[in-house]
Every structure is written in C-alpha cells, then in structure tokens.
Amino acid sequence: MKEKILLALLTFILKSIAIWPYRVLYFLSDLIYPLLYHVVRYRRKVVHANLVNSFPEKSEEEIKDIERKFYRHFCDYVMETVKLMHVSDDQMRRRMRFTNSGLIEELRKDGRPFFVYLGHQGNWEYITSISLWTDSSLSGCQIYHPLSNKVMEKLVYRLRARFNTTGIPQKSALRSILTMMKEGKQPLLGLIADQRPQRYPEPEWMTFLNQDTPIITGGETLGRRLDAHFIYGSVKSIRRGYYEITLHPIVPAEGEDFPYSKQYMRMLEADIREQPHMWLWSHKRWSFRREDYLKR
C-alpha cells in the first residue's frame, strides 16, 4: 500500500511539472545546473576522471568545458524525460527525428527481428518514439535491468511505455522474444549496451575511448541465435531539445570474437568524439579493470 501511495504521489508531481511548456522546463534546468554542478557536485570526480582518461590529448581547459556542457545537458535530459508524461506525438516527431526509418521497412520483408543498438547519447529515453516512424505492425520492445527500487521501477516503466513499447526484463528476453515471434509478431528491439557488464563471468574486452574496456555481448549472442538484423542508431543533437537519429546496419569485421558488439562500440565512440558532452559520463564505466576480473 505504501508503494502505491508513493507511486501515485510521484506520478502526480511529475505530471504537474510535465504539463509546462519546454521553455519553462529548460528555465528550471538552467536553475538546477549550478546546484548540481557547484553545490551537490554530483559525481564530479567520476566524470572528470572518465573524461581525462578518454581524451588524454585534450587540455584541462577543454576537459572542463566538456564537463560543464555535460552537466547542462544532463539537467536538460532530466527535464525532457519528465516531459514524456505530457508530450504529444507531433511534438515528439519534431524533437526526435529519424532520418532514415525506411531502412527498417526495407529490411523487414524477411520477417526477421531487429536488434537496434544505441548508446547513452543525447536523450535515450526519446528513442522509444521510433514507433511513430515505423509500421504499427512491428512490435517495439526493449531489454532492461529491473531496478531494486520498486516504485522507481514502475515509474520508469510507465515513461518508457509512452509510445507503446514493451519492456522485457533481461532474464526473460529469449523466452519473451520467441513467444512474440510464435505469435506472428516481428520484434523491433532496442538495446542500450554501453554500460559496464556484470563482473562475472569475465566479459569480452576491447579498447574503447582510449581504455581497456569490458563490453556487453549478451545482445549479440541472443540476436545471432534469432538471426536478427543488427542496426546502430546514431544520435546527434541538432540544437537544445532537438535530436536526430540515423540508422545504420552494423557491418562486423571479420576474424573477431563478438564482431557486432565491437563494431557497435566503435560506431558509438565515433559519435561520442563528435559530441562528447552528450554521453553519460557520470556512469562508473571503468570501475573494474581487467586485473580485478582475474582476482576471483
């Protein structure tokens, strides 16, 4: 009962904020930024270390500039995500534009599922609006890690279901997708796979942003088992609050283990280097090193 009351209260508060126009939300974002950056100092050490290690060629002044821009964008991201509770389809089409959604229509004729790889770049919560750009007969879904806080879990699930996409817990991904396919549905699955993998079993490694990096390969294993199309969604910020995403087939390099996963990470790195402040630098991406995995 307590969870239901808290969920209802949080939903009411967020919906009350979401009805405000974007210009007001960005005004709030501008107010929150100095508090988060200068007063709370939210994960400042993590962000700075990640930037320094990723861009050793940049000066301290350049690093600080990216750092400040990241925190400004992060505050925008929070406000934009709240807005999902009260945003029209037309507004979303203007703010998250898919430049070549026809690629999906072209490839879908063979009935195979789509695995669309994305990064924590731009506003990743807006990417579920792909359903506004593709045929309604496709079954939009996303694999996610359930949160430990049940109230936040339900709240985030509601936000991500705004455009009729289905959340699939990671542990039941294969079973859920196979069930969809047996029912004659064609899954259009979004995966954000740039976070740190679980510590055990030992993951695959590659160089990413100048660092020895463990990568997530479960999506590729699942996708190859299902004979899926592998697609990368390249997100660019056009101006404040407006994003553009271009879909590219992931063409794997020959002779590599997990070639789709590694090529995805290379494509993402190119996007990060182009607009570095748009990536989620506050994530503790490199908190484990290779030697830590070997100490078990």
C-alpha atoms as a PDB file:
ATOM      1  CA  MET A   1       0.000   0.000   0.000  1.00  0.00           C
ATOM      2  CA  LYS A   2       2.857   2.383   0.851  1.00  0.00           C
ATOM      3  CA  GLU A   3       4.434   1.758  -2.576  1.00  0.00           C
ATOM      4  CA  LYS A   4       1.145   2.518  -4.339  1.00  0.00           C
ATOM      5  CA  ILE A   5       0.719   5.784  -2.449  1.00  0.00           C
ATOM      6  CA  LEU A   6       4.301   6.865  -3.141  1.00  0.00           C
ATOM      7  CA  LEU A   7       3.976   5.929  -6.826  1.00  0.00           C
ATOM      8  CA  ALA A   8       0.733   7.897  -7.122  1.00  0.00           C
ATOM      9  CA  LEU A   9       2.318  10.904  -5.396  1.00  0.00           C
ATOM     10  CA  LEU A  10       5.418  10.875  -7.596  1.00  0.00           C
ATOM     11  CA  THR A  11       3.299  10.447 -10.723  1.00  0.00           C
ATOM     12  CA  PHE A  12       1.130  13.399  -9.741  1.00  0.00           C
ATOM     13  CA  ILE A  13       4.166  15.611  -9.065  1.00  0.00           C
ATOM     14  CA  LEU A  14       5.883  14.699 -12.325  1.00  0.00           C
ATOM     15  CA  LYS A  15       2.717  15.125 -14.372  1.00  0.00           C
ATOM     16  CA  SER A  16       2.210  18.533 -12.779  1.00  0.00           C
ATOM     17  CA  ILE A  17       5.677  19.521 -13.996  1.00  0.00           C
ATOM     18  CA  ALA A  18       5.296  17.818 -17.388  1.00  0.00           C
ATOM     19  CA  ILE A  19       2.356  19.989 -18.422  1.00  0.00           C
ATOM     20  CA  TRP A  20       4.631  23.044 -18.505  1.00  0.00           C
ATOM     21  CA  PRO A  21       5.996  24.023 -21.930  1.00  0.00           C
ATOM     22  CA  TYR A  22       9.559  23.141 -22.867  1.00  0.00           C
ATOM     23  CA  ARG A  23      10.783  26.730 -22.420  1.00  0.00           C
ATOM     24  CA  VAL A  24       9.746  26.626 -18.751  1.00  0.00           C
ATOM     25  CA  LEU A  25      11.353  23.227 -18.246  1.00  0.00           C
ATOM     26  CA  TYR A  26      14.611  24.491 -19.718  1.00  0.00           C
ATOM     27  CA  PHE A  27      14.440  27.505 -17.405  1.00  0.00           C
ATOM     28  CA  LEU A  28      14.216  25.039 -14.496  1.00  0.00           C
ATOM     29  CA  SER A  29      17.119  23.104 -15.973  1.00  0.00           C
ATOM     30  CA  ASP A  30      19.212  26.282 -16.008  1.00  0.00           C
ATOM     31  CA  LEU A  31      18.415  26.763 -12.316  1.00  0.00           C
ATOM     32  CA  ILE A  32      19.244  23.161 -11.405  1.00  0.00           C
ATOM     33  CA  TYR A  33      22.588  23.111 -13.242  1.00  0.00           C
ATOM     34  CA  PRO A  34      24.631  25.291 -10.833  1.00  0.00           C
ATOM     35  CA  LEU A  35      23.180  23.425  -7.853  1.00  0.00           C
ATOM     36  CA  LEU A  36      24.065  20.037  -9.300  1.00  0.00           C
ATOM     37  CA  TYR A  37      27.483  21.088 -10.574  1.00  0.00           C
ATOM     38  CA  HIS A  38      28.766  23.517  -7.948  1.00  0.00           C
ATOM     39  CA  VAL A  39      26.847  22.649  -4.771  1.00  0.00           C
ATOM     40  CA  VAL A  40      25.882  18.961  -4.857  1.00  0.00           C
ATOM     41  CA  ARG A  41      28.892  18.190  -7.103  1.00  0.00           C
ATOM     42  CA  TYR A  42      27.117  15.068  -8.336  1.00  0.00           C
ATOM     43  CA  ARG A  43      29.785  12.514  -9.304  1.00  0.00           C
ATOM     44  CA  ARG A  44      32.195  15.269 -10.299  1.00  0.00           C
ATOM     45  CA  LYS A  45      35.257  13.106  -9.628  1.00  0.00           C
ATOM     46  CA  VAL A  46      33.869  10.229 -11.702  1.00  0.00           C
ATOM     47  CA  VAL A  47      33.009  12.493 -14.636  1.00  0.00           C
ATOM     48  CA  HIS A  48      36.375  14.255 -14.579  1.00  0.00           C
ATOM     49  CA  ALA A  49      38.370  11.027 -14.372  1.00  0.00           C
ATOM     50  CA  ASN A  50      36.380   9.455 -17.213  1.00  0.00           C
ATOM     51  CA  LEU A  51      36.973  12.485 -19.440  1.00  0.00           C
ATOM     52  CA  VAL A  52      40.683  12.756 -18.655  1.00  0.00           C
ATOM     53  CA  ASN A  53      41.261   9.066 -19.330  1.00  0.00           C
ATOM     54  CA  SER A  54      39.169   9.092 -22.510  1.00  0.00           C
ATOM     55  CA  PHE A  55      40.750  12.206 -24.030  1.00  0.00           C
ATOM     56  CA  PRO A  56      44.422  12.379 -22.953  1.00  0.00           C
ATOM     57  CA  GLU A  57      45.106  14.678 -25.932  1.00  0.00           C
ATOM     58  CA  LYS A  58      42.807  17.411 -24.565  1.00  0.00           C
ATOM     59  CA  SER A  59      43.909  20.201 -22.260  1.00  0.00           C
ATOM     60  CA  GLU A  60      42.481  20.688 -18.773  1.00  0.00           C
ATOM     61  CA  GLU A  61      40.538  23.687 -20.079  1.00  0.00           C
ATOM     62  CA  GLU A  62      38.975  21.556 -22.839  1.00  0.00           C
ATOM     63  CA  ILE A  63      38.098  18.828 -20.340  1.00  0.00           C
ATOM     64  CA  LYS A  64      36.415  21.367 -18.048  1.00  0.00           C
ATOM     65  CA  ASP A  65      34.430  22.753 -20.972  1.00  0.00           C
ATOM     66  CA  ILE A  66      33.100  19.278 -21.862  1.00  0.00           C
ATOM     67  CA  GLU A  67      32.393  18.621 -18.192  1.00  0.00           C
ATOM     68  CA  ARG A  68      30.282  21.757 -17.782  1.00  0.00           C
ATOM     69  CA  LYS A  69      28.409  21.115 -21.030  1.00  0.00           C
ATOM     70  CA  PHE A  70      27.721  17.549 -19.912  1.00  0.00           C
ATOM     71  CA  TYR A  71      26.107  18.694 -16.663  1.00  0.00           C
ATOM     72  CA  ARG A  72      23.993  21.257 -18.519  1.00  0.00           C
ATOM     73  CA  HIS A  73      22.820  18.569 -20.918  1.00  0.00           C
ATOM     74  CA  PHE A  74      22.200  16.134 -18.063  1.00  0.00           C
ATOM     75  CA  CYS A  75      19.843  18.641 -16.422  1.00  0.00           C
ATOM     76  CA  ASP A  76      18.075  19.074 -19.778  1.00  0.00           C
ATOM     77  CA  TYR A  77      17.823  15.290 -20.093  1.00  0.00           C
ATOM     78  CA  VAL A  78      16.025  15.044 -16.736  1.00  0.00           C
ATOM     79  CA  MET A  79      13.501  17.746 -17.671  1.00  0.00           C
ATOM     80  CA  GLU A  80      12.966  16.292 -21.155  1.00  0.00           C
ATOM     81  CA  THR A  81      12.346  12.855 -19.689  1.00  0.00           C
ATOM     82  CA  VAL A  82       9.744  14.189 -17.253  1.00  0.00           C
ATOM     83  CA  LYS A  83       8.057  15.810 -20.250  1.00  0.00           C
ATOM     84  CA  LEU A  84       7.326  12.314 -21.600  1.00  0.00           C
ATOM     85  CA  MET A  85       4.360  12.283 -19.246  1.00  0.00           C
ATOM     86  CA  HIS A  86       2.731  15.091 -21.224  1.00  0.00           C
ATOM     87  CA  VAL A  87       4.059  15.301 -24.768  1.00  0.00           C
ATOM     88  CA  SER A  88       2.107  14.913 -27.996  1.00  0.00           C
ATOM     89  CA  ASP A  89       3.119  12.651 -30.855  1.00  0.00           C
ATOM     90  CA  ASP A  90       3.624  15.693 -33.093  1.00  0.00           C
ATOM     91  CA  GLN A  91       5.911  17.329 -30.539  1.00  0.00           C
ATOM     92  CA  MET A  92       7.957  14.155 -30.274  1.00  0.00           C
ATOM     93  CA  ARG A  93       8.279  13.797 -34.051  1.00  0.00           C
ATOM     94  CA  ARG A  94       9.774  17.276 -34.144  1.00  0.00           C
ATOM     95  CA  ARG A  95      12.130  16.704 -31.225  1.00  0.00           C
ATOM     96  CA  MET A  96      13.376  13.194 -32.089  1.00  0.00           C
ATOM     97  CA  ARG A  97      13.647  12.897 -35.847  1.00  0.00           C
ATOM     98  CA  PHE A  98      14.539   9.583 -37.510  1.00  0.00           C
ATOM     99  CA  THR A  99      16.218  10.445 -40.784  1.00  0.00           C
ATOM    100  CA  ASN A 100      16.012   7.058 -42.481  1.00  0.00           C
ATOM    101  CA  SER A 101      13.388   4.888 -40.807  1.00  0.00           C
ATOM    102  CA  GLY A 102      12.775   3.497 -44.295  1.00  0.00           C
ATOM    103  CA  LEU A 103      15.735   1.184 -43.648  1.00  0.00           C
ATOM    104  CA  ILE A 104      13.538  -0.776 -41.250  1.00  0.00           C
ATOM    105  CA  GLU A 105      10.739  -1.007 -43.808  1.00  0.00           C
ATOM    106  CA  GLU A 106      13.192  -2.168 -46.450  1.00  0.00           C
ATOM    107  CA  LEU A 107      14.710  -4.932 -44.325  1.00  0.00           C
ATOM    108  CA  ARG A 108      11.574  -6.130 -42.569  1.00  0.00           C
ATOM    109  CA  LYS A 109      10.267  -8.087 -45.569  1.00  0.00           C
ATOM    110  CA  ASP A 110      12.131 -11.220 -44.485  1.00  0.00           C
ATOM    111  CA  GLY A 111      10.303 -11.259 -41.123  1.00  0.00           C
ATOM    112  CA  ARG A 112      13.495 -11.362 -39.057  1.00  0.00           C
ATOM    113  CA  PRO A 113      13.660  -9.416 -35.767  1.00  0.00           C
ATOM    114  CA  PHE A 114      15.586  -6.161 -35.445  1.00  0.00           C
ATOM    115  CA  PHE A 115      18.166  -5.511 -32.743  1.00  0.00           C
ATOM    116  CA  VAL A 116      18.722  -1.746 -32.676  1.00  0.00           C
ATOM    117  CA  TYR A 117      21.837  -0.856 -30.672  1.00  0.00           C
ATOM    118  CA  LEU A 118      22.018   2.554 -29.014  1.00  0.00           C
ATOM    119  CA  GLY A 119      24.172   4.403 -26.503  1.00  0.00           C
ATOM    120  CA  HIS A 120      23.513   6.702 -23.575  1.00  0.00           C
ATOM    121  CA  GLN A 121      23.884   9.555 -26.049  1.00  0.00           C
ATOM    122  CA  GLY A 122      21.561  12.551 -26.384  1.00  0.00           C
ATOM    123  CA  ASN A 123      18.230  11.689 -24.808  1.00  0.00           C
ATOM    124  CA  TRP A 124      17.998   7.916 -24.984  1.00  0.00           C
ATOM    125  CA  GLU A 125      14.537   7.924 -23.398  1.00  0.00           C
ATOM    126  CA  TYR A 126      13.157   9.584 -26.548  1.00  0.00           C
ATOM    127  CA  ILE A 127      14.334   6.757 -28.785  1.00  0.00           C
ATOM    128  CA  THR A 128      11.234   4.679 -27.962  1.00  0.00           C
ATOM    129  CA  SER A 129       9.407   7.132 -30.240  1.00  0.00           C
ATOM    130  CA  ILE A 130      10.718   5.093 -33.181  1.00  0.00           C
ATOM    131  CA  SER A 131       7.217   3.579 -33.164  1.00  0.00           C
ATOM    132  CA  LEU A 132       5.983   6.913 -34.571  1.00  0.00           C
ATOM    133  CA  TRP A 133       8.210   6.420 -37.628  1.00  0.00           C
ATOM    134  CA  THR A 134       7.701   2.731 -38.388  1.00  0.00           C
ATOM    135  CA  ASP A 135       4.819   0.466 -39.332  1.00  0.00           C
ATOM    136  CA  SER A 136       2.483  -0.211 -36.424  1.00  0.00           C
ATOM    137  CA  SER A 137       2.628  -3.953 -37.110  1.00  0.00           C
ATOM    138  CA  LEU A 138       6.193  -4.040 -35.732  1.00  0.00           C
ATOM    139  CA  SER A 139       6.372  -4.892 -32.035  1.00  0.00           C
ATOM    140  CA  GLY A 140       8.536  -2.295 -30.312  1.00  0.00           C
ATOM    141  CA  CYS A 141      10.278  -3.567 -27.184  1.00  0.00           C
ATOM    142  CA  GLN A 142      13.364  -3.012 -25.070  1.00  0.00           C
ATOM    143  CA  ILE A 143      15.507  -5.148 -22.799  1.00  0.00           C
ATOM    144  CA  TYR A 144      16.088  -3.601 -19.386  1.00  0.00           C
ATOM    145  CA  HIS A 145      17.564  -4.350 -15.981  1.00  0.00           C
ATOM    146  CA  PRO A 146      14.827  -4.183 -13.314  1.00  0.00           C
ATOM    147  CA  LEU A 147      15.570  -1.574 -10.658  1.00  0.00           C
ATOM    148  CA  SER A 148      15.856  -2.543  -6.997  1.00  0.00           C
ATOM    149  CA  ASN A 149      13.502   0.291  -6.003  1.00  0.00           C
ATOM    150  CA  LYS A 150      10.042  -0.967  -6.979  1.00  0.00           C
ATOM    151  CA  VAL A 151       8.471   2.492  -7.055  1.00  0.00           C
ATOM    152  CA  MET A 152      11.104   3.849  -9.432  1.00  0.00           C
ATOM    153  CA  GLU A 153      10.885   0.632 -11.448  1.00  0.00           C
ATOM    154  CA  LYS A 154       7.179   1.147 -12.115  1.00  0.00           C
ATOM    155  CA  LEU A 155       7.619   4.850 -12.785  1.00  0.00           C
ATOM    156  CA  VAL A 156      10.412   4.332 -15.331  1.00  0.00           C
ATOM    157  CA  TYR A 157       8.453   1.519 -16.964  1.00  0.00           C
ATOM    158  CA  ARG A 158       5.491   3.863 -17.473  1.00  0.00           C
ATOM    159  CA  LEU A 159       7.700   6.524 -19.013  1.00  0.00           C
ATOM    160  CA  ARG A 160       9.298   4.075 -21.417  1.00  0.00           C
ATOM    161  CA  ALA A 161       5.928   2.650 -22.429  1.00  0.00           C
ATOM    162  CA  ARG A 162       4.700   6.079 -23.580  1.00  0.00           C
ATOM    163  CA  PHE A 163       4.976   5.109 -27.271  1.00  0.00           C
ATOM    164  CA  ASN A 164       3.552   1.605 -26.879  1.00  0.00           C
ATOM    165  CA  THR A 165       6.844  -0.210 -26.433  1.00  0.00           C
ATOM    166  CA  THR A 166       7.110  -3.249 -24.186  1.00  0.00           C
ATOM    167  CA  GLY A 167       9.800  -3.592 -21.527  1.00  0.00           C
ATOM    168  CA  ILE A 168      11.398  -7.038 -21.348  1.00  0.00           C
ATOM    169  CA  PRO A 169      13.455  -7.974 -18.258  1.00  0.00           C
ATOM    170  CA  GLN A 170      16.892  -9.219 -19.265  1.00  0.00           C
ATOM    171  CA  LYS A 171      16.471 -12.660 -17.720  1.00  0.00           C
ATOM    172  CA  SER A 172      13.340 -13.429 -19.745  1.00  0.00           C
ATOM    173  CA  ALA A 173      14.494 -11.854 -23.036  1.00  0.00           C
ATOM    174  CA  LEU A 174      14.860 -15.022 -25.116  1.00  0.00           C
ATOM    175  CA  ARG A 175      11.601 -16.547 -23.939  1.00  0.00           C
ATOM    176  CA  SER A 176       9.680 -13.311 -24.463  1.00  0.00           C
ATOM    177  CA  ILE A 177      11.017 -12.684 -27.966  1.00  0.00           C
ATOM    178  CA  LEU A 178      10.416 -16.285 -29.057  1.00  0.00           C
ATOM    179  CA  THR A 179       6.841 -16.019 -27.774  1.00  0.00           C
ATOM    180  CA  MET A 180       6.329 -12.843 -29.794  1.00  0.00           C
ATOM    181  CA  MET A 181       7.675 -14.481 -32.933  1.00  0.00           C
ATOM    182  CA  LYS A 182       5.497 -17.569 -32.462  1.00  0.00           C
ATOM    183  CA  GLU A 183       2.510 -15.224 -32.281  1.00  0.00           C
ATOM    184  CA  GLY A 184       3.459 -13.850 -35.693  1.00  0.00           C
ATOM    185  CA  LYS A 185       4.937 -10.593 -34.390  1.00  0.00           C
ATOM    186  CA  GLN A 186       8.149  -9.041 -35.686  1.00  0.00           C
ATOM    187  CA  PRO A 187      10.170  -7.611 -32.784  1.00  0.00           C
ATOM    188  CA  LEU A 188      11.884  -4.235 -33.074  1.00  0.00           C
ATOM    189  CA  LEU A 189      14.150  -4.446 -30.065  1.00  0.00           C
ATOM    190  CA  GLY A 190      16.155  -1.558 -28.625  1.00  0.00           C
ATOM    191  CA  LEU A 191      19.323  -2.285 -26.650  1.00  0.00           C
ATOM    192  CA  ILE A 192      21.447   0.245 -24.783  1.00  0.00           C
ATOM    193  CA  ALA A 193      24.615  -1.765 -24.359  1.00  0.00           C
ATOM    194  CA  ASP A 194      27.368   0.717 -23.482  1.00  0.00           C
ATOM    195  CA  GLN A 195      27.221   0.312 -19.710  1.00  0.00           C
ATOM    196  CA  ARG A 196      29.551  -1.825 -17.611  1.00  0.00           C
ATOM    197  CA  PRO A 197      28.798  -5.572 -17.821  1.00  0.00           C
ATOM    198  CA  GLN A 198      28.443  -7.755 -14.786  1.00  0.00           C
ATOM    199  CA  ARG A 199      31.709  -8.671 -13.164  1.00  0.00           C
ATOM    200  CA  TYR A 200      31.206 -12.433 -13.509  1.00  0.00           C
ATOM    201  CA  PRO A 201      31.625 -14.287 -15.750  1.00  0.00           C
ATOM    202  CA  GLU A 202      34.611 -12.477 -17.244  1.00  0.00           C
ATOM    203  CA  PRO A 203      33.426 -10.405 -20.228  1.00  0.00           C
ATOM    204  CA  GLU A 204      34.955  -9.683 -23.624  1.00  0.00           C
ATOM    205  CA  TRP A 205      37.452  -6.804 -23.748  1.00  0.00           C
ATOM    206  CA  MET A 206      38.380  -4.124 -26.279  1.00  0.00           C
ATOM    207  CA  THR A 207      39.849  -0.636 -26.425  1.00  0.00           C
ATOM    208  CA  PHE A 208      37.068   1.934 -26.133  1.00  0.00           C
ATOM    209  CA  LEU A 209      37.704   5.646 -25.606  1.00  0.00           C
ATOM    210  CA  ASN A 210      41.412   5.028 -25.070  1.00  0.00           C
ATOM    211  CA  GLN A 211      40.811   2.485 -22.305  1.00  0.00           C
ATOM    212  CA  ASP A 212      40.804  -1.261 -21.849  1.00  0.00           C
ATOM    213  CA  THR A 213      37.058  -1.819 -21.568  1.00  0.00           C
ATOM    214  CA  PRO A 214      34.796  -4.796 -20.770  1.00  0.00           C
ATOM    215  CA  ILE A 215      31.819  -4.905 -23.115  1.00  0.00           C
ATOM    216  CA  ILE A 216      28.334  -6.402 -23.068  1.00  0.00           C
ATOM    217  CA  THR A 217      27.934  -9.258 -25.560  1.00  0.00           C
ATOM    218  CA  GLY A 218      24.678 -10.868 -24.440  1.00  0.00           C
ATOM    219  CA  GLY A 219      22.631  -8.952 -27.023  1.00  0.00           C
ATOM    220  CA  GLU A 220      24.788 -10.246 -29.861  1.00  0.00           C
ATOM    221  CA  THR A 221      24.574 -13.824 -28.589  1.00  0.00           C
ATOM    222  CA  LEU A 222      20.798 -13.551 -28.411  1.00  0.00           C
ATOM    223  CA  GLY A 223      20.487 -11.761 -31.751  1.00  0.00           C
ATOM    224  CA  ARG A 224      22.593 -14.279 -33.649  1.00  0.00           C
ATOM    225  CA  ARG A 225      20.566 -17.102 -32.183  1.00  0.00           C
ATOM    226  CA  LEU A 226      17.418 -15.398 -33.520  1.00  0.00           C
ATOM    227  CA  ASP A 227      19.028 -14.468 -36.875  1.00  0.00           C
ATOM    228  CA  ALA A 228      18.301 -10.807 -36.211  1.00  0.00           C
ATOM    229  CA  HIS A 229      19.185  -7.725 -38.212  1.00  0.00           C
ATOM    230  CA  PHE A 230      21.778  -5.698 -36.279  1.00  0.00           C
ATOM    231  CA  ILE A 231      21.267  -1.929 -36.551  1.00  0.00           C
ATOM    232  CA  TYR A 232      23.050   1.011 -34.893  1.00  0.00           C
ATOM    233  CA  GLY A 233      21.185   4.208 -34.033  1.00  0.00           C
ATOM    234  CA  SER A 234      23.498   7.222 -34.358  1.00  0.00           C
ATOM    235  CA  VAL A 235      22.104  10.088 -32.247  1.00  0.00           C
ATOM    236  CA  LYS A 236      23.087  13.703 -32.841  1.00  0.00           C
ATOM    237  CA  SER A 237      21.977  16.837 -31.027  1.00  0.00           C
ATOM    238  CA  ILE A 238      20.766  19.408 -33.562  1.00  0.00           C
ATOM    239  CA  ARG A 239      20.029  22.138 -31.048  1.00  0.00           C
ATOM    240  CA  ARG A 240      18.774  22.263 -27.494  1.00  0.00           C
ATOM    241  CA  GLY A 241      15.991  19.722 -27.087  1.00  0.00           C
ATOM    242  CA  TYR A 242      16.101  18.520 -30.703  1.00  0.00           C
ATOM    243  CA  TYR A 243      17.755  15.286 -31.761  1.00  0.00           C
ATOM    244  CA  GLU A 244      18.284  13.402 -34.966  1.00  0.00           C
ATOM    245  CA  ILE A 245      18.889   9.691 -35.251  1.00  0.00           C
ATOM    246  CA  THR A 246      20.238   7.862 -38.270  1.00  0.00           C
ATOM    247  CA  LEU A 247      20.013   4.078 -38.541  1.00  0.00           C
ATOM    248  CA  HIS A 248      22.987   2.145 -39.907  1.00  0.00           C
ATOM    249  CA  PRO A 249      23.391  -1.604 -40.482  1.00  0.00           C
ATOM    250  CA  ILE A 250      26.187  -2.918 -38.260  1.00  0.00           C
ATOM    251  CA  VAL A 251      28.753  -4.495 -40.576  1.00  0.00           C
ATOM    252  CA  PRO A 252      31.016  -6.725 -38.466  1.00  0.00           C
ATOM    253  CA  ALA A 253      34.743  -7.016 -39.014  1.00  0.00           C
ATOM    254  CA  GLU A 254      35.977 -10.457 -39.986  1.00  0.00           C
ATOM    255  CA  GLY A 255      38.007 -12.630 -37.674  1.00  0.00           C
ATOM    256  CA  GLU A 256      36.847 -11.098 -34.366  1.00  0.00           C
ATOM    257  CA  ASP A 257      35.050 -12.574 -31.415  1.00  0.00           C
ATOM    258  CA  PHE A 258      31.706 -10.801 -30.925  1.00  0.00           C
ATOM    259  CA  PRO A 259      32.191  -8.665 -34.053  1.00  0.00           C
ATOM    260  CA  TYR A 260      28.759  -6.986 -33.908  1.00  0.00           C
ATOM    261  CA  SER A 261      29.267  -5.836 -30.325  1.00  0.00           C
ATOM    262  CA  LYS A 262      32.736  -4.472 -31.050  1.00  0.00           C
ATOM    263  CA  GLN A 263      31.678  -2.697 -34.224  1.00  0.00           C
ATOM    264  CA  TYR A 264      28.758  -1.139 -32.346  1.00  0.00           C
ATOM    265  CA  MET A 265      31.167   0.201 -29.723  1.00  0.00           C
ATOM    266  CA  ARG A 266      33.416   1.667 -32.443  1.00  0.00           C
ATOM    267  CA  MET A 267      30.454   3.399 -34.092  1.00  0.00           C
ATOM    268  CA  LEU A 268      29.344   4.761 -30.733  1.00  0.00           C
ATOM    269  CA  GLU A 269      32.839   6.014 -29.937  1.00  0.00           C
ATOM    270  CA  ALA A 270      32.885   7.993 -33.195  1.00  0.00           C
ATOM    271  CA  ASP A 271      29.627   9.680 -32.165  1.00  0.00           C
ATOM    272  CA  ILE A 272      30.920  10.401 -28.659  1.00  0.00           C
ATOM    273  CA  ARG A 273      34.057  12.024 -30.035  1.00  0.00           C
ATOM    274  CA  GLU A 274      31.937  14.234 -32.277  1.00  0.00           C
ATOM    275  CA  GLN A 275      29.636  15.415 -29.442  1.00  0.00           C
ATOM    276  CA  PRO A 276      31.404  14.361 -26.215  1.00  0.00           C
ATOM    277  CA  HIS A 277      29.153  16.253 -23.789  1.00  0.00           C
ATOM    278  CA  MET A 278      26.134  14.222 -24.960  1.00  0.00           C
ATOM    279  CA  TRP A 279      27.296  10.906 -23.449  1.00  0.00           C
ATOM    280  CA  LEU A 280      26.580   9.734 -19.882  1.00  0.00           C
ATOM    281  CA  TRP A 281      29.973  10.404 -18.295  1.00  0.00           C
ATOM    282  CA  SER A 282      28.632  10.043 -14.749  1.00  0.00           C
ATOM    283  CA  HIS A 283      28.338   6.277 -15.165  1.00  0.00           C
ATOM    284  CA  LYS A 284      31.106   4.326 -13.406  1.00  0.00           C
ATOM    285  CA  ARG A 285      32.004   2.655 -16.677  1.00  0.00           C
ATOM    286  CA  TRP A 286      35.588   1.750 -15.829  1.00  0.00           C
ATOM    287  CA  SER A 287      35.321   0.984 -12.114  1.00  0.00           C
ATOM    288  CA  PHE A 288      36.612  -2.552 -12.735  1.00  0.00           C
ATOM    289  CA  ARG A 289      39.877  -3.281 -14.506  1.00  0.00           C
ATOM    290  CA  ARG A 290      40.956  -6.468 -16.236  1.00  0.00           C
ATOM    291  CA  GLU A 291      43.073  -7.474 -13.253  1.00  0.00           C
ATOM    292  CA  ASP A 292      40.017  -7.151 -10.996  1.00  0.00           C
ATOM    293  CA  TYR A 293      38.196  -9.742 -13.087  1.00  0.00           C
ATOM    294  CA  LEU A 294      41.138 -12.102 -12.817  1.00  0.00           C
ATOM    295  CA  LYS A 295      41.123 -11.910  -8.984  1.00  0.00           C
ATOM    296  CA  ARG A 296      38.364 -14.406  -8.362  1.00  0.00           C
END
